Amino acid sequence: MKVLILNGPNLNLLGIREPEIYGTETLDAIRIWLNEQAITDSHVITWFQSNHEGDIIDQIHGSIKLFDGIIINPGALTHYSYSVRDAISSVPTPTVEVHLSDINHREDFRRISVIKDVCISQISGLGKLGYAQALKTLVEHL
């Protein structure tokens, strides 16, 4: 299975940005950790991070016929990006939304996901384990 893992705005600052909420590991450390997990065996995983909404949308559009599934941590785009929502709903690629922190127990605005309803699942609050759970969810779905 070929999986695209998309990471949105500010996730390039993991390890620095609010470590009490997001932890001290960098996005690259999480990528390396996930690639070492047994669940990733026999899967090809491509990682992409951007602080630009249009770049995320272009990646989603480009997933058609290239990837079997998408894992997206949309960051702040979660709460307001109808463009990302529309991109996900426009492609046949099953998508799992993932968040490092538990967005349901944070500020009120973070509890709203405009993306959730066009994804097959939302995983929140498991830290880096959320990426492995998202991959497992995609495998079970497909």
C-alpha atoms as a PDB file:
ATOM      1  CA  MET A   1       0.000   0.000   0.000  1.00  0.00           C
ATOM      2  CA  LYS A   2       1.193   3.523  -0.830  1.00  0.00           C
ATOM      3  CA  VAL A   3       0.362   6.147   1.790  1.00  0.00           C
ATOM      4  CA  LEU A   4       0.795   9.906   1.710  1.00  0.00           C
ATOM      5  CA  ILE A   5       1.270  11.555   5.099  1.00  0.00           C
ATOM      6  CA  LEU A   6       0.478  15.260   4.984  1.00  0.00           C
ATOM      7  CA  ASN A   7       1.401  17.653   7.772  1.00  0.00           C
ATOM      8  CA  GLY A   8       0.107  21.201   7.812  1.00  0.00           C
ATOM      9  CA  PRO A   9       1.140  24.562   9.218  1.00  0.00           C
ATOM     10  CA  ASN A  10       3.575  24.815  12.111  1.00  0.00           C
ATOM     11  CA  LEU A  11       4.249  21.089  12.311  1.00  0.00           C
ATOM     12  CA  ASN A  12       7.754  21.838  11.057  1.00  0.00           C
ATOM     13  CA  LEU A  13       8.271  23.375  14.517  1.00  0.00           C
ATOM     14  CA  LEU A  14       7.517  20.205  16.474  1.00  0.00           C
ATOM     15  CA  GLY A  15      10.027  19.787  19.268  1.00  0.00           C
ATOM     16  CA  ILE A  16      10.203  23.562  19.708  1.00  0.00           C
ATOM     17  CA  ARG A  17       6.585  24.697  19.586  1.00  0.00           C
ATOM     18  CA  GLU A  18       4.744  24.261  22.887  1.00  0.00           C
ATOM     19  CA  PRO A  19       6.473  21.024  23.921  1.00  0.00           C
ATOM     20  CA  GLU A  20       4.120  20.704  26.900  1.00  0.00           C
ATOM     21  CA  ILE A  21       1.314  20.141  24.382  1.00  0.00           C
ATOM     22  CA  TYR A  22       3.002  18.613  21.336  1.00  0.00           C
ATOM     23  CA  GLY A  23       6.012  16.886  22.906  1.00  0.00           C
ATOM     24  CA  THR A  24       9.708  17.311  22.295  1.00  0.00           C
ATOM     25  CA  GLU A  25      10.111  15.131  19.216  1.00  0.00           C
ATOM     26  CA  THR A  26      10.568  16.721  15.833  1.00  0.00           C
ATOM     27  CA  LEU A  27       8.462  15.793  12.835  1.00  0.00           C
ATOM     28  CA  ASP A  28      11.525  14.114  11.350  1.00  0.00           C
ATOM     29  CA  ALA A  29      11.964  12.023  14.530  1.00  0.00           C
ATOM     30  CA  ILE A  30       8.313  10.958  14.289  1.00  0.00           C
ATOM     31  CA  ARG A  31       8.832  10.029  10.623  1.00  0.00           C
ATOM     32  CA  ILE A  32      11.878   7.910  11.497  1.00  0.00           C
ATOM     33  CA  TRP A  33      10.033   6.288  14.423  1.00  0.00           C
ATOM     34  CA  LEU A  34       7.012   5.392  12.274  1.00  0.00           C
ATOM     35  CA  ASN A  35       9.200   3.940   9.531  1.00  0.00           C
ATOM     36  CA  GLU A  36      10.755   1.622  12.145  1.00  0.00           C
ATOM     37  CA  GLN A  37       7.383   0.226  13.264  1.00  0.00           C
ATOM     38  CA  ALA A  38       6.270  -3.213  12.083  1.00  0.00           C
ATOM     39  CA  ILE A  39       2.998  -1.761  10.772  1.00  0.00           C
ATOM     40  CA  THR A  40       4.943   0.068   8.057  1.00  0.00           C
ATOM     41  CA  ASP A  41       6.473  -3.124   6.634  1.00  0.00           C
ATOM     42  CA  SER A  42       5.446  -3.646   3.012  1.00  0.00           C
ATOM     43  CA  HIS A  43       4.014  -0.114   2.775  1.00  0.00           C
ATOM     44  CA  VAL A  44       5.538   2.804   0.897  1.00  0.00           C
ATOM     45  CA  ILE A  45       5.102   5.989   2.899  1.00  0.00           C
ATOM     46  CA  THR A  46       5.685   9.475   1.533  1.00  0.00           C
ATOM     47  CA  TRP A  47       5.830  12.416   3.954  1.00  0.00           C
ATOM     48  CA  PHE A  48       5.036  16.024   3.076  1.00  0.00           C
ATOM     49  CA  GLN A  49       4.804  19.133   5.265  1.00  0.00           C
ATOM     50  CA  SER A  50       3.856  22.652   4.271  1.00  0.00           C
ATOM     51  CA  ASN A  51       2.790  25.859   5.937  1.00  0.00           C
ATOM     52  CA  HIS A  52       0.821  26.733   2.797  1.00  0.00           C
ATOM     53  CA  GLU A  53      -2.774  25.623   2.334  1.00  0.00           C
ATOM     54  CA  GLY A  54      -2.506  25.467  -1.458  1.00  0.00           C
ATOM     55  CA  ASP A  55       0.474  23.092  -1.258  1.00  0.00           C
ATOM     56  CA  ILE A  56      -1.560  20.724   0.935  1.00  0.00           C
ATOM     57  CA  ILE A  57      -4.469  20.901  -1.532  1.00  0.00           C
ATOM     58  CA  ASP A  58      -2.137  20.208  -4.470  1.00  0.00           C
ATOM     59  CA  GLN A  59      -0.806  17.126  -2.685  1.00  0.00           C
ATOM     60  CA  ILE A  60      -4.339  15.847  -2.044  1.00  0.00           C
ATOM     61  CA  HIS A  61      -5.281  16.379  -5.695  1.00  0.00           C
ATOM     62  CA  GLY A  62      -2.077  14.658  -6.773  1.00  0.00           C
ATOM     63  CA  SER A  63      -2.860  11.606  -4.664  1.00  0.00           C
ATOM     64  CA  ILE A  64      -5.279  10.261  -7.275  1.00  0.00           C
ATOM     65  CA  LYS A  65      -3.910   7.000  -8.728  1.00  0.00           C
ATOM     66  CA  LEU A  66      -0.603   7.523  -6.875  1.00  0.00           C
ATOM     67  CA  PHE A  67      -1.608   6.668  -3.307  1.00  0.00           C
ATOM     68  CA  ASP A  68      -3.972   4.177  -1.725  1.00  0.00           C
ATOM     69  CA  GLY A  69      -4.578   6.353   1.326  1.00  0.00           C
ATOM     70  CA  ILE A  70      -3.794   9.662   2.999  1.00  0.00           C
ATOM     71  CA  ILE A  71      -3.010  10.450   6.618  1.00  0.00           C
ATOM     72  CA  ILE A  72      -3.390  14.164   7.286  1.00  0.00           C
ATOM     73  CA  ASN A  73      -2.449  16.218  10.303  1.00  0.00           C
ATOM     74  CA  PRO A  74      -3.862  19.492   9.034  1.00  0.00           C
ATOM     75  CA  GLY A  75      -2.761  21.545  12.032  1.00  0.00           C
ATOM     76  CA  ALA A  76      -4.732  24.790  12.293  1.00  0.00           C
ATOM     77  CA  LEU A  77      -6.295  24.125   8.869  1.00  0.00           C
ATOM     78  CA  THR A  78      -8.466  21.616  10.739  1.00  0.00           C
ATOM     79  CA  HIS A  79     -10.642  24.344  12.140  1.00  0.00           C
ATOM     80  CA  TYR A  80     -11.396  26.499   9.127  1.00  0.00           C
ATOM     81  CA  SER A  81     -10.123  25.122   5.823  1.00  0.00           C
ATOM     82  CA  TYR A  82     -13.104  24.298   3.682  1.00  0.00           C
ATOM     83  CA  SER A  83     -10.626  24.217   0.788  1.00  0.00           C
ATOM     84  CA  VAL A  84      -8.789  21.246   2.324  1.00  0.00           C
ATOM     85  CA  ARG A  85     -12.141  19.651   3.164  1.00  0.00           C
ATOM     86  CA  ASP A  86     -13.298  20.058  -0.439  1.00  0.00           C
ATOM     87  CA  ALA A  87     -10.015  18.644  -1.750  1.00  0.00           C
ATOM     88  CA  ILE A  88     -10.368  15.536   0.429  1.00  0.00           C
ATOM     89  CA  SER A  89     -13.976  15.016  -0.622  1.00  0.00           C
ATOM     90  CA  SER A  90     -13.046  15.543  -4.294  1.00  0.00           C
ATOM     91  CA  VAL A  91     -10.635  12.616  -4.518  1.00  0.00           C
ATOM     92  CA  PRO A  92     -11.364   8.915  -4.062  1.00  0.00           C
ATOM     93  CA  THR A  93      -8.345   8.451  -1.784  1.00  0.00           C
ATOM     94  CA  PRO A  94      -9.465   7.407   1.737  1.00  0.00           C
ATOM     95  CA  THR A  95      -8.140   9.836   4.324  1.00  0.00           C
ATOM     96  CA  VAL A  96      -7.569   9.638   8.085  1.00  0.00           C
ATOM     97  CA  GLU A  97      -7.272  12.848  10.121  1.00  0.00           C
ATOM     98  CA  VAL A  98      -4.713  12.721  12.928  1.00  0.00           C
ATOM     99  CA  HIS A  99      -3.711  15.123  15.712  1.00  0.00           C
ATOM    100  CA  LEU A 100      -0.906  14.782  18.237  1.00  0.00           C
ATOM    101  CA  SER A 101      -2.852  16.550  20.991  1.00  0.00           C
ATOM    102  CA  ASP A 102      -6.399  15.828  22.078  1.00  0.00           C
ATOM    103  CA  ILE A 103      -8.265  18.556  20.222  1.00  0.00           C
ATOM    104  CA  ASN A 104     -11.473  17.678  22.062  1.00  0.00           C
ATOM    105  CA  HIS A 105      -9.959  18.815  25.363  1.00  0.00           C
ATOM    106  CA  ARG A 106      -8.314  22.030  24.203  1.00  0.00           C
ATOM    107  CA  GLU A 107      -9.560  25.532  23.423  1.00  0.00           C
ATOM    108  CA  ASP A 108     -13.129  25.706  22.106  1.00  0.00           C
ATOM    109  CA  PHE A 109     -12.072  26.620  18.566  1.00  0.00           C
ATOM    110  CA  ARG A 110      -9.761  23.585  18.381  1.00  0.00           C
ATOM    111  CA  ARG A 111     -12.646  21.219  19.088  1.00  0.00           C
ATOM    112  CA  ILE A 112     -14.163  21.972  15.697  1.00  0.00           C
ATOM    113  CA  SER A 113     -12.911  20.037  12.693  1.00  0.00           C
ATOM    114  CA  VAL A 114     -14.357  20.966   9.332  1.00  0.00           C
ATOM    115  CA  ILE A 115     -12.352  18.065   7.884  1.00  0.00           C
ATOM    116  CA  LYS A 116     -13.540  15.220  10.111  1.00  0.00           C
ATOM    117  CA  ASP A 117     -16.723  14.413   8.203  1.00  0.00           C
ATOM    118  CA  VAL A 118     -14.921  13.784   4.899  1.00  0.00           C
ATOM    119  CA  CYS A 119     -12.372  11.455   6.493  1.00  0.00           C
ATOM    120  CA  ILE A 120     -12.873   7.789   7.323  1.00  0.00           C
ATOM    121  CA  SER A 121     -11.654   8.417  10.875  1.00  0.00           C
ATOM    122  CA  GLN A 122     -10.216  11.025  13.213  1.00  0.00           C
ATOM    123  CA  ILE A 123      -7.482  10.117  15.690  1.00  0.00           C
ATOM    124  CA  SER A 124      -6.616  12.648  18.358  1.00  0.00           C
ATOM    125  CA  GLY A 125      -4.506  12.785  21.489  1.00  0.00           C
ATOM    126  CA  LEU A 126      -2.226   9.776  20.989  1.00  0.00           C
ATOM    127  CA  GLY A 127       0.918  11.727  20.167  1.00  0.00           C
ATOM    128  CA  LYS A 128       3.095  10.030  17.560  1.00  0.00           C
ATOM    129  CA  LEU A 129       1.172   6.785  18.115  1.00  0.00           C
ATOM    130  CA  GLY A 130      -1.686   8.481  16.281  1.00  0.00           C
ATOM    131  CA  TYR A 131       0.212   8.140  13.006  1.00  0.00           C
ATOM    132  CA  ALA A 132       0.604   4.377  13.525  1.00  0.00           C
ATOM    133  CA  GLN A 133      -3.073   4.083  14.468  1.00  0.00           C
ATOM    134  CA  ALA A 134      -4.025   6.054  11.354  1.00  0.00           C
ATOM    135  CA  LEU A 135      -1.992   3.678   9.193  1.00  0.00           C
ATOM    136  CA  LYS A 136      -3.667   0.716  10.869  1.00  0.00           C
ATOM    137  CA  THR A 137      -7.056   2.303  10.199  1.00  0.00           C
ATOM    138  CA  LEU A 138      -6.212   2.720   6.508  1.00  0.00           C
ATOM    139  CA  VAL A 139      -4.973  -0.881   6.240  1.00  0.00           C
ATOM    140  CA  GLU A 140      -8.191  -2.166   7.816  1.00  0.00           C
ATOM    141  CA  HIS A 141     -10.292   0.076   5.577  1.00  0.00           C
ATOM    142  CA  LEU A 142      -8.602  -1.109   2.400  1.00  0.00           C
END
